[in-house]
C-alpha atoms as a PDB file:
ATOM      1  CA  MET A   1     102.765 131.739 200.690  1.00  0.00           C
ATOM      2  CA  ALA A   2     105.599 131.802 198.147  1.00  0.00           C
ATOM      3  CA  GLY A   3     105.338 130.057 194.700  1.00  0.00           C
ATOM      4  CA  PRO A   4     107.412 127.902 193.026  1.00  0.00           C
ATOM      5  CA  THR A   5     111.213 128.500 192.439  1.00  0.00           C
ATOM      6  CA  THR A   6     112.638 128.840 188.984  1.00  0.00           C
ATOM      7  CA  ALA A   7     114.347 125.698 189.610  1.00  0.00           C
ATOM      8  CA  GLU A   8     110.922 123.606 190.666  1.00  0.00           C
ATOM      9  CA  ARG A   9     109.247 125.412 187.451  1.00  0.00           C
ATOM     10  CA  GLY A  10     112.094 124.152 185.188  1.00  0.00           C
ATOM     11  CA  GLU A  11     111.650 120.346 186.465  1.00  0.00           C
ATOM     12  CA  ARG A  12     108.003 120.531 186.316  1.00  0.00           C
ATOM     13  CA  THR A  13     108.096 121.932 182.555  1.00  0.00           C
ATOM     14  CA  GLN A  14     110.548 118.764 181.699  1.00  0.00           C
ATOM     15  CA  GLY A  15     108.285 116.179 183.306  1.00  0.00           C
ATOM     16  CA  ASP A  16     105.179 117.353 181.572  1.00  0.00           C
ATOM     17  CA  ALA A  17     106.997 117.465 177.955  1.00  0.00           C
ATOM     18  CA  PRO A  18     106.301 114.178 175.695  1.00  0.00           C
ATOM     19  CA  ALA A  19     109.505 112.330 175.216  1.00  0.00           C
ATOM     20  CA  ARG A  20     111.447 112.629 171.907  1.00  0.00           C
ATOM     21  CA  PRO A  21     111.916 109.779 169.557  1.00  0.00           C
ATOM     22  CA  PRO A  22     115.380 108.274 169.516  1.00  0.00           C
ATOM     23  CA  ARG A  23     117.325 109.335 166.765  1.00  0.00           C
ATOM     24  CA  PRO A  24     118.446 106.425 164.685  1.00  0.00           C
ATOM     25  CA  THR A  25     121.935 105.048 164.833  1.00  0.00           C
ATOM     26  CA  GLY A  26     124.073 104.749 161.742  1.00  0.00           C
ATOM     27  CA  GLY A  27     123.110 101.399 161.052  1.00  0.00           C
ATOM     28  CA  GLY A  28     119.386 102.159 160.240  1.00  0.00           C
ATOM     29  CA  ARG A  29     120.222 104.777 157.561  1.00  0.00           C
ATOM     30  CA  ARG A  30     119.155 103.348 153.813  1.00  0.00           C
ATOM     31  CA  LEU A  31     121.684 104.458 151.051  1.00  0.00           C
ATOM     32  CA  ARG A  32     120.515 106.126 148.028  1.00  0.00           C
ATOM     33  CA  LEU A  33     122.189 106.590 145.153  1.00  0.00           C
ATOM     34  CA  PRO A  34     122.078 110.078 143.584  1.00  0.00           C
ATOM     35  CA  PRO A  35     119.413 110.089 140.855  1.00  0.00           C
ATOM     36  CA  THR A  36     122.391 110.390 137.930  1.00  0.00           C
ATOM     37  CA  ARG A  37     123.874 107.547 138.685  1.00  0.00           C
ATOM     38  CA  THR A  38     120.769 105.502 138.762  1.00  0.00           C
ATOM     39  CA  ARG A  39     119.854 106.383 135.341  1.00  0.00           C
ATOM     40  CA  VAL A  40     123.078 105.859 133.899  1.00  0.00           C
ATOM     41  CA  ILE A  41     122.917 102.214 135.212  1.00  0.00           C
ATOM     42  CA  ALA A  42     119.586 101.996 133.968  1.00  0.00           C
ATOM     43  CA  GLY A  43     120.755 102.823 130.563  1.00  0.00           C
ATOM     44  CA  VAL A  44     123.903 100.724 130.713  1.00  0.00           C
ATOM     45  CA  ALA A  45     121.634  98.020 131.294  1.00  0.00           C
ATOM     46  CA  ALA A  46     119.110  98.505 128.572  1.00  0.00           C
ATOM     47  CA  ALA A  47     121.778  98.737 126.218  1.00  0.00           C
ATOM     48  CA  LEU A  48     123.535  95.734 126.937  1.00  0.00           C
ATOM     49  CA  LEU A  49     120.412  94.055 126.677  1.00  0.00           C
ATOM     50  CA  ALA A  50     119.618  95.515 123.181  1.00  0.00           C
ATOM     51  CA  ALA A  51     123.193  94.674 122.240  1.00  0.00           C
ATOM     52  CA  GLY A  52     122.439  91.039 123.277  1.00  0.00           C
ATOM     53  CA  VAL A  53     119.405  90.884 121.314  1.00  0.00           C
ATOM     54  CA  VAL A  54     120.970  92.163 117.906  1.00  0.00           C
ATOM     55  CA  TRP A  55     123.790  89.744 118.359  1.00  0.00           C
ATOM     56  CA  LEU A  56     121.202  86.932 119.084  1.00  0.00           C
ATOM     57  CA  LEU A  57     119.039  87.959 115.902  1.00  0.00           C
ATOM     58  CA  TYR A  58     121.883  88.471 113.592  1.00  0.00           C
ATOM     59  CA  GLY A  59     125.303  87.182 114.785  1.00  0.00           C
ATOM     60  CA  SER A  60     124.538  83.992 116.551  1.00  0.00           C
ATOM     61  CA  GLN A  61     124.282  80.583 114.548  1.00  0.00           C
ATOM     62  CA  TRP A  62     121.126  79.977 116.436  1.00  0.00           C
ATOM     63  CA  LEU A  63     118.188  81.882 114.259  1.00  0.00           C
ATOM     64  CA  ARG A  64     119.439  81.135 110.681  1.00  0.00           C
ATOM     65  CA  VAL A  65     117.536  79.664 107.916  1.00  0.00           C
ATOM     66  CA  GLU A  66     118.421  76.043 107.752  1.00  0.00           C
ATOM     67  CA  ARG A  67     115.126  74.787 105.843  1.00  0.00           C
ATOM     68  CA  VAL A  68     112.237  76.317 103.307  1.00  0.00           C
ATOM     69  CA  LYS A  69     108.959  74.494 103.117  1.00  0.00           C
ATOM     70  CA  THR A  70     106.531  74.976 100.451  1.00  0.00           C
ATOM     71  CA  SER A  71     102.680  74.443 100.692  1.00  0.00           C
ATOM     72  CA  GLY A  72      99.603  74.971  98.255  1.00  0.00           C
ATOM     73  CA  THR A  73     101.306  73.545  94.925  1.00  0.00           C
ATOM     74  CA  GLU A  74      99.473  71.711  92.675  1.00  0.00           C
ATOM     75  CA  VAL A  75     100.709  72.095  88.974  1.00  0.00           C
ATOM     76  CA  LEU A  76     103.702  73.594  90.200  1.00  0.00           C
ATOM     77  CA  THR A  77     106.481  71.540  91.656  1.00  0.00           C
ATOM     78  CA  SER A  78     108.302  72.540  95.257  1.00  0.00           C
ATOM     79  CA  GLU A  79     111.487  72.523  93.359  1.00  0.00           C
ATOM     80  CA  GLN A  80     110.315  75.092  91.198  1.00  0.00           C
ATOM     81  CA  VAL A  81     108.969  77.326  93.819  1.00  0.00           C
ATOM     82  CA  ARG A  82     112.301  77.241  95.900  1.00  0.00           C
ATOM     83  CA  ALA A  83     114.498  77.721  92.891  1.00  0.00           C
ATOM     84  CA  VAL A  84     112.719  81.189  91.883  1.00  0.00           C
ATOM     85  CA  ALA A  85     112.211  82.126  95.542  1.00  0.00           C
ATOM     86  CA  ARG A  86     116.130  81.570  96.207  1.00  0.00           C
ATOM     87  CA  VAL A  87     115.961  82.252  99.912  1.00  0.00           C
ATOM     88  CA  PRO A  88     119.438  82.811 101.415  1.00  0.00           C
ATOM     89  CA  VAL A  89     119.587  79.582 103.110  1.00  0.00           C
ATOM     90  CA  GLY A  90     122.054  80.292 106.017  1.00  0.00           C
ATOM     91  CA  ALA A  91     121.353  83.928 106.702  1.00  0.00           C
ATOM     92  CA  PRO A  92     119.872  85.394 109.758  1.00  0.00           C
ATOM     93  CA  LEU A  93     116.212  84.606 109.748  1.00  0.00           C
ATOM     94  CA  ILE A  94     115.212  88.343 110.788  1.00  0.00           C
ATOM     95  CA  SER A  95     116.858  89.516 107.865  1.00  0.00           C
ATOM     96  CA  VAL A  96     115.240  87.552 105.188  1.00  0.00           C
ATOM     97  CA  ASP A  97     113.413  90.246 102.714  1.00  0.00           C
ATOM     98  CA  THR A  98     110.279  88.444 102.352  1.00  0.00           C
ATOM     99  CA  ASP A  99     108.352  91.203 100.325  1.00  0.00           C
ATOM    100  CA  ALA A 100     110.887  90.817  97.757  1.00  0.00           C
ATOM    101  CA  ILE A 101     110.617  87.026  97.462  1.00  0.00           C
ATOM    102  CA  GLU A 102     106.640  87.265  97.272  1.00  0.00           C
ATOM    103  CA  ASP A 103     107.562  89.704  94.511  1.00  0.00           C
ATOM    104  CA  ARG A 104     109.676  87.485  92.668  1.00  0.00           C
ATOM    105  CA  LEU A 105     107.567  84.691  92.705  1.00  0.00           C
ATOM    106  CA  ARG A 106     104.428  86.292  91.349  1.00  0.00           C
ATOM    107  CA  LYS A 107     106.589  87.780  88.297  1.00  0.00           C
ATOM    108  CA  LYS A 108     108.466  84.919  87.359  1.00  0.00           C
ATOM    109  CA  LEU A 109     105.599  82.206  88.036  1.00  0.00           C
ATOM    110  CA  ARG A 110     102.226  83.489  86.809  1.00  0.00           C
ATOM    111  CA  ARG A 111     100.631  80.709  87.680  1.00  0.00           C
ATOM    112  CA  ILE A 112     100.870  81.746  91.245  1.00  0.00           C
ATOM    113  CA  ASP A 113      97.952  83.919  92.091  1.00  0.00           C
ATOM    114  CA  THR A 114      98.832  84.774  95.828  1.00  0.00           C
ATOM    115  CA  VAL A 115     101.774  83.787  97.984  1.00  0.00           C
ATOM    116  CA  ASP A 116     102.735  84.491 101.551  1.00  0.00           C
ATOM    117  CA  VAL A 117     106.080  84.191 102.868  1.00  0.00           C
ATOM    118  CA  VAL A 118     106.417  83.432 106.429  1.00  0.00           C
ATOM    119  CA  ARG A 119     109.488  83.102 109.048  1.00  0.00           C
ATOM    120  CA  SER A 120     108.991  79.809 110.928  1.00  0.00           C
ATOM    121  CA  TRP A 121     111.135  80.535 114.200  1.00  0.00           C
ATOM    122  CA  PRO A 122     113.812  79.436 114.989  1.00  0.00           C
ATOM    123  CA  HIS A 123     115.241  78.274 111.730  1.00  0.00           C
ATOM    124  CA  GLY A 124     112.662  78.090 108.874  1.00  0.00           C
ATOM    125  CA  ILE A 125     110.780  79.739 105.975  1.00  0.00           C
ATOM    126  CA  GLY A 126     107.292  78.941 104.526  1.00  0.00           C
ATOM    127  CA  LEU A 127     106.286  79.555 101.018  1.00  0.00           C
ATOM    128  CA  LYS A 128     102.225  79.322 101.045  1.00  0.00           C
ATOM    129  CA  VAL A 129     101.339  79.320  97.629  1.00  0.00           C
ATOM    130  CA  THR A 130      97.839  79.864  95.782  1.00  0.00           C
ATOM    131  CA  GLU A 131      97.494  78.588  91.935  1.00  0.00           C
ATOM    132  CA  ARG A 132      95.461  80.359  89.590  1.00  0.00           C
ATOM    133  CA  LYS A 133      92.710  78.044  88.234  1.00  0.00           C
ATOM    134  CA  PRO A 134      91.809  77.766  84.813  1.00  0.00           C
ATOM    135  CA  VAL A 135      88.296  78.254  83.962  1.00  0.00           C
ATOM    136  CA  LEU A 136      88.646  78.876  79.986  1.00  0.00           C
ATOM    137  CA  LEU A 137      91.122  77.430  77.495  1.00  0.00           C
ATOM    138  CA  ILE A 138      92.184  79.448  74.240  1.00  0.00           C
ATOM    139  CA  GLU A 139      93.575  77.367  71.634  1.00  0.00           C
ATOM    140  CA  LYS A 140      96.135  78.545  69.242  1.00  0.00           C
ATOM    141  CA  GLY A 141      98.955  76.782  66.960  1.00  0.00           C
ATOM    142  CA  GLY A 142      97.963  73.129  68.956  1.00  0.00           C
ATOM    143  CA  LYS A 143      98.775  74.669  72.173  1.00  0.00           C
ATOM    144  CA  PHE A 144      96.345  75.743  74.832  1.00  0.00           C
ATOM    145  CA  THR A 145      96.646  79.163  76.803  1.00  0.00           C
ATOM    146  CA  GLU A 146      95.088  78.845  80.319  1.00  0.00           C
ATOM    147  CA  VAL A 147      92.544  81.908  81.599  1.00  0.00           C
ATOM    148  CA  ASP A 148      91.608  82.074  85.393  1.00  0.00           C
ATOM    149  CA  ALA A 149      88.489  83.693  86.439  1.00  0.00           C
ATOM    150  CA  LYS A 150      90.006  87.298  86.566  1.00  0.00           C
ATOM    151  CA  GLY A 151      90.665  86.861  82.856  1.00  0.00           C
ATOM    152  CA  VAL A 152      94.665  86.564  83.276  1.00  0.00           C
ATOM    153  CA  ARG A 153      96.285  84.636  80.580  1.00  0.00           C
ATOM    154  CA  PHE A 154      98.792  82.477  83.184  1.00  0.00           C
ATOM    155  CA  ALA A 155      99.951  79.542  81.338  1.00  0.00           C
ATOM    156  CA  THR A 156     100.266  77.764  77.897  1.00  0.00           C
ATOM    157  CA  VAL A 157     100.004  74.142  77.859  1.00  0.00           C
ATOM    158  CA  ASP A 158     100.710  71.356  75.345  1.00  0.00           C
ATOM    159  CA  ARG A 159      97.848  69.164  76.407  1.00  0.00           C
ATOM    160  CA  PRO A 160      94.311  71.094  77.585  1.00  0.00           C
ATOM    161  CA  PRO A 161      93.973  70.198  81.330  1.00  0.00           C
ATOM    162  CA  LYS A 162      90.555  67.925  81.718  1.00  0.00           C
ATOM    163  CA  GLY A 163      87.135  69.781  82.674  1.00  0.00           C
ATOM    164  CA  VAL A 164      88.122  73.300  81.137  1.00  0.00           C
ATOM    165  CA  PRO A 165      85.697  74.510  78.414  1.00  0.00           C
ATOM    166  CA  LEU A 166      87.327  75.873  75.097  1.00  0.00           C
ATOM    167  CA  LEU A 167      86.709  79.452  74.092  1.00  0.00           C
ATOM    168  CA  GLU A 168      84.976  79.738  70.603  1.00  0.00           C
ATOM    169  CA  LEU A 169      84.810  83.348  69.511  1.00  0.00           C
ATOM    170  CA  ASP A 170      82.619  83.806  66.485  1.00  0.00           C
ATOM    171  CA  ALA A 171      82.132  87.378  66.596  1.00  0.00           C
ATOM    172  CA  ALA A 172      83.422  88.419  63.448  1.00  0.00           C
ATOM    173  CA  ALA A 173      80.100  89.252  61.775  1.00  0.00           C
ATOM    174  CA  SER A 174      78.872  90.866  64.829  1.00  0.00           C
ATOM    175  CA  PRO A 175      78.987  94.783  65.880  1.00  0.00           C
ATOM    176  CA  SER A 176      79.815  93.622  69.578  1.00  0.00           C
ATOM    177  CA  LEU A 177      83.476  93.040  68.414  1.00  0.00           C
ATOM    178  CA  ASN A 178      84.046  96.399  67.090  1.00  0.00           C
ATOM    179  CA  ARG A 179      82.290  98.114  70.147  1.00  0.00           C
ATOM    180  CA  PHE A 180      83.679  95.716  72.766  1.00  0.00           C
ATOM    181  CA  GLY A 181      86.812  94.135  71.426  1.00  0.00           C
ATOM    182  CA  THR A 182      88.552  91.135  71.566  1.00  0.00           C
ATOM    183  CA  GLU A 183      89.132  91.364  75.177  1.00  0.00           C
ATOM    184  CA  ARG A 184      86.281  92.281  76.626  1.00  0.00           C
ATOM    185  CA  LEU A 185      84.603  89.665  74.840  1.00  0.00           C
ATOM    186  CA  LEU A 186      86.726  87.321  76.290  1.00  0.00           C
ATOM    187  CA  ARG A 187      86.443  88.531  79.809  1.00  0.00           C
ATOM    188  CA  ALA A 188      82.509  88.022  79.223  1.00  0.00           C
ATOM    189  CA  ALA A 189      83.135  84.285  78.186  1.00  0.00           C
ATOM    190  CA  VAL A 190      85.118  83.887  81.428  1.00  0.00           C
ATOM    191  CA  GLN A 191      82.611  85.269  83.649  1.00  0.00           C
ATOM    192  CA  VAL A 192      79.841  82.913  82.237  1.00  0.00           C
ATOM    193  CA  ALA A 193      82.067  80.140  82.763  1.00  0.00           C
ATOM    194  CA  GLY A 194      82.562  81.158  86.403  1.00  0.00           C
ATOM    195  CA  ASP A 195      78.872  81.609  86.744  1.00  0.00           C
ATOM    196  CA  LEU A 196      78.059  78.065  85.803  1.00  0.00           C
ATOM    197  CA  PRO A 197      76.752  76.019  88.443  1.00  0.00           C
ATOM    198  CA  ALA A 198      79.335  73.395  89.259  1.00  0.00           C
ATOM    199  CA  SER A 199      77.208  70.413  88.410  1.00  0.00           C
ATOM    200  CA  VAL A 200      76.989  72.197  84.796  1.00  0.00           C
ATOM    201  CA  ALA A 201      80.753  73.328  84.806  1.00  0.00           C
ATOM    202  CA  LYS A 202      81.866  70.024  84.814  1.00  0.00           C
ATOM    203  CA  ASP A 203      80.332  68.925  81.615  1.00  0.00           C
ATOM    204  CA  ALA A 204      81.126  71.782  79.730  1.00  0.00           C
ATOM    205  CA  ARG A 205      83.111  71.474  76.612  1.00  0.00           C
ATOM    206  CA  THR A 206      83.054  74.806  74.826  1.00  0.00           C
ATOM    207  CA  VAL A 207      81.889  78.372  75.580  1.00  0.00           C
ATOM    208  CA  GLN A 208      80.679  80.060  72.277  1.00  0.00           C
ATOM    209  CA  VAL A 209      80.938  83.781  71.761  1.00  0.00           C
ATOM    210  CA  ARG A 210      79.008  85.031  68.834  1.00  0.00           C
ATOM    211  CA  SER A 211      78.249  88.661  70.288  1.00  0.00           C
ATOM    212  CA  TYR A 212      78.221  90.307  73.793  1.00  0.00           C
ATOM    213  CA  ASP A 213      74.593  89.159  74.088  1.00  0.00           C
ATOM    214  CA  SER A 214      74.790  85.987  72.488  1.00  0.00           C
ATOM    215  CA  ILE A 215      76.679  83.515  74.685  1.00  0.00           C
ATOM    216  CA  SER A 216      76.278  79.688  74.653  1.00  0.00           C
ATOM    217  CA  VAL A 217      77.755  77.125  76.371  1.00  0.00           C
ATOM    218  CA  GLU A 218      78.375  73.159  74.770  1.00  0.00           C
ATOM    219  CA  LEU A 219      77.846  70.518  77.017  1.00  0.00           C
ATOM    220  CA  LYS A 220      78.495  66.717  76.598  1.00  0.00           C
ATOM    221  CA  GLY A 221      75.968  64.670  75.723  1.00  0.00           C
ATOM    222  CA  GLN A 222      75.152  67.077  72.708  1.00  0.00           C
ATOM    223  CA  ARG A 223      73.604  69.561  75.181  1.00  0.00           C
ATOM    224  CA  THR A 224      73.094  73.351  74.639  1.00  0.00           C
ATOM    225  CA  VAL A 225      72.806  76.159  77.195  1.00  0.00           C
ATOM    226  CA  HIS A 226      72.020  79.448  75.893  1.00  0.00           C
ATOM    227  CA  TRP A 227      73.068  81.881  78.465  1.00  0.00           C
ATOM    228  CA  GLY A 228      72.893  84.999  76.489  1.00  0.00           C
ATOM    229  CA  SER A 229      74.637  88.234  77.990  1.00  0.00           C
ATOM    230  CA  VAL A 230      76.837  88.035  81.342  1.00  0.00           C
ATOM    231  CA  GLU A 231      73.949  89.828  83.240  1.00  0.00           C
ATOM    232  CA  LYS A 232      71.928  88.412  86.013  1.00  0.00           C
ATOM    233  CA  GLY A 233      74.705  85.400  86.273  1.00  0.00           C
ATOM    234  CA  ASP A 234      73.362  84.289  89.786  1.00  0.00           C
ATOM    235  CA  ALA A 235      69.582  84.136  88.381  1.00  0.00           C
ATOM    236  CA  LYS A 236      70.823  82.439  85.475  1.00  0.00           C
ATOM    237  CA  ALA A 237      72.472  79.490  87.168  1.00  0.00           C
ATOM    238  CA  ALA A 238      69.619  78.978  89.668  1.00  0.00           C
ATOM    239  CA  SER A 239      67.367  79.035  86.805  1.00  0.00           C
ATOM    240  CA  LEU A 240      69.659  76.445  84.955  1.00  0.00           C
ATOM    241  CA  THR A 241      69.664  74.029  87.631  1.00  0.00           C
ATOM    242  CA  ALA A 242      65.774  74.234  88.239  1.00  0.00           C
ATOM    243  CA  LEU A 243      65.417  73.394  84.516  1.00  0.00           C
ATOM    244  CA  MET A 244      67.831  70.516  84.527  1.00  0.00           C
ATOM    245  CA  LYS A 245      66.138  68.753  87.418  1.00  0.00           C
ATOM    246  CA  ALA A 246      62.523  69.321  85.846  1.00  0.00           C
ATOM    247  CA  GLU A 247      63.718  68.383  82.465  1.00  0.00           C
ATOM    248  CA  PRO A 248      66.926  66.145  82.649  1.00  0.00           C
ATOM    249  CA  THR A 249      66.245  65.017  79.096  1.00  0.00           C
ATOM    250  CA  ALA A 250      66.327  68.086  77.356  1.00  0.00           C
ATOM    251  CA  ARG A 251      69.008  69.021  74.695  1.00  0.00           C
ATOM    252  CA  ARG A 252      68.388  72.840  75.103  1.00  0.00           C
ATOM    253  CA  PHE A 253      68.240  75.108  77.795  1.00  0.00           C
ATOM    254  CA  ASP A 254      67.467  78.754  77.205  1.00  0.00           C
ATOM    255  CA  VAL A 255      68.238  80.892  80.262  1.00  0.00           C
ATOM    256  CA  SER A 256      68.922  84.090  78.663  1.00  0.00           C
ATOM    257  CA  ALA A 257      65.664  85.293  80.103  1.00  0.00           C
ATOM    258  CA  PRO A 258      66.048  83.600  83.637  1.00  0.00           C
ATOM    259  CA  THR A 259      62.441  84.560  84.623  1.00  0.00           C
ATOM    260  CA  ALA A 260      61.037  82.908  81.316  1.00  0.00           C
ATOM    261  CA  PRO A 261      63.442  79.727  80.939  1.00  0.00           C
ATOM    262  CA  ALA A 262      62.738  77.404  78.103  1.00  0.00           C
ATOM    263  CA  VAL A 263      63.972  73.890  77.132  1.00  0.00           C
ATOM    264  CA  SER A 264      63.612  72.085  73.937  1.00  0.00           C
ATOM    265  CA  GLY A 265      64.826  68.827  72.497  1.00  0.00           C
ATOM    266  CA  SER A 266      63.193  66.616  74.983  1.00  0.00           C
END
């Protein structure tokens, strides 16, 4: 029996072959931009955005300094602080040199301990001031120099502020004056004034320095605290508080040796 012809074999092969998927028509193709063109468009968009931001910050009238607010002043006035700060009202807020303003305020107003210049968007500048607090006074020529807890002499006033003791330096006959010098004895007095318990400090009238190891505090009511040197200030403060509670009518309190305090004149 004769086999299939060539035509029959061709028909069978075509029938057994899987159908080819239809070719997409021209309308189904996605348009793809060349990579170079995509990057150019993205770059132009970024440049336009950056230019818009720069114009908004520097060129527009929206983000400019319109007001200056001060806070934290006690002895100084807001007008004094603003006058020295010289904030450029009307300038772009972003262009204000806050570091220069802070430096200017600290140099020209020594009563200022710290100052923070901050931008308050969209139109303000804030001047947050912390003033120095006097812990000791030095009298000279009828005027009073205020000294803070760091030993900085920051202001001279005609009238002494209430509740701040006066320094009495009487160390001329003491070797401490030659050994330590006036400035170190002053810092020792400042430290003692700062170490006093708050309940005692409010009654302090004078801090007397006869030598580095002999510092006393005169209180109102003719009471005296012999403090000794500046060492062990925390222990001496705790001992003094306990003594005054135990002997409220005493006139002299000695805490120069805080582990063995003594009272007299009760």
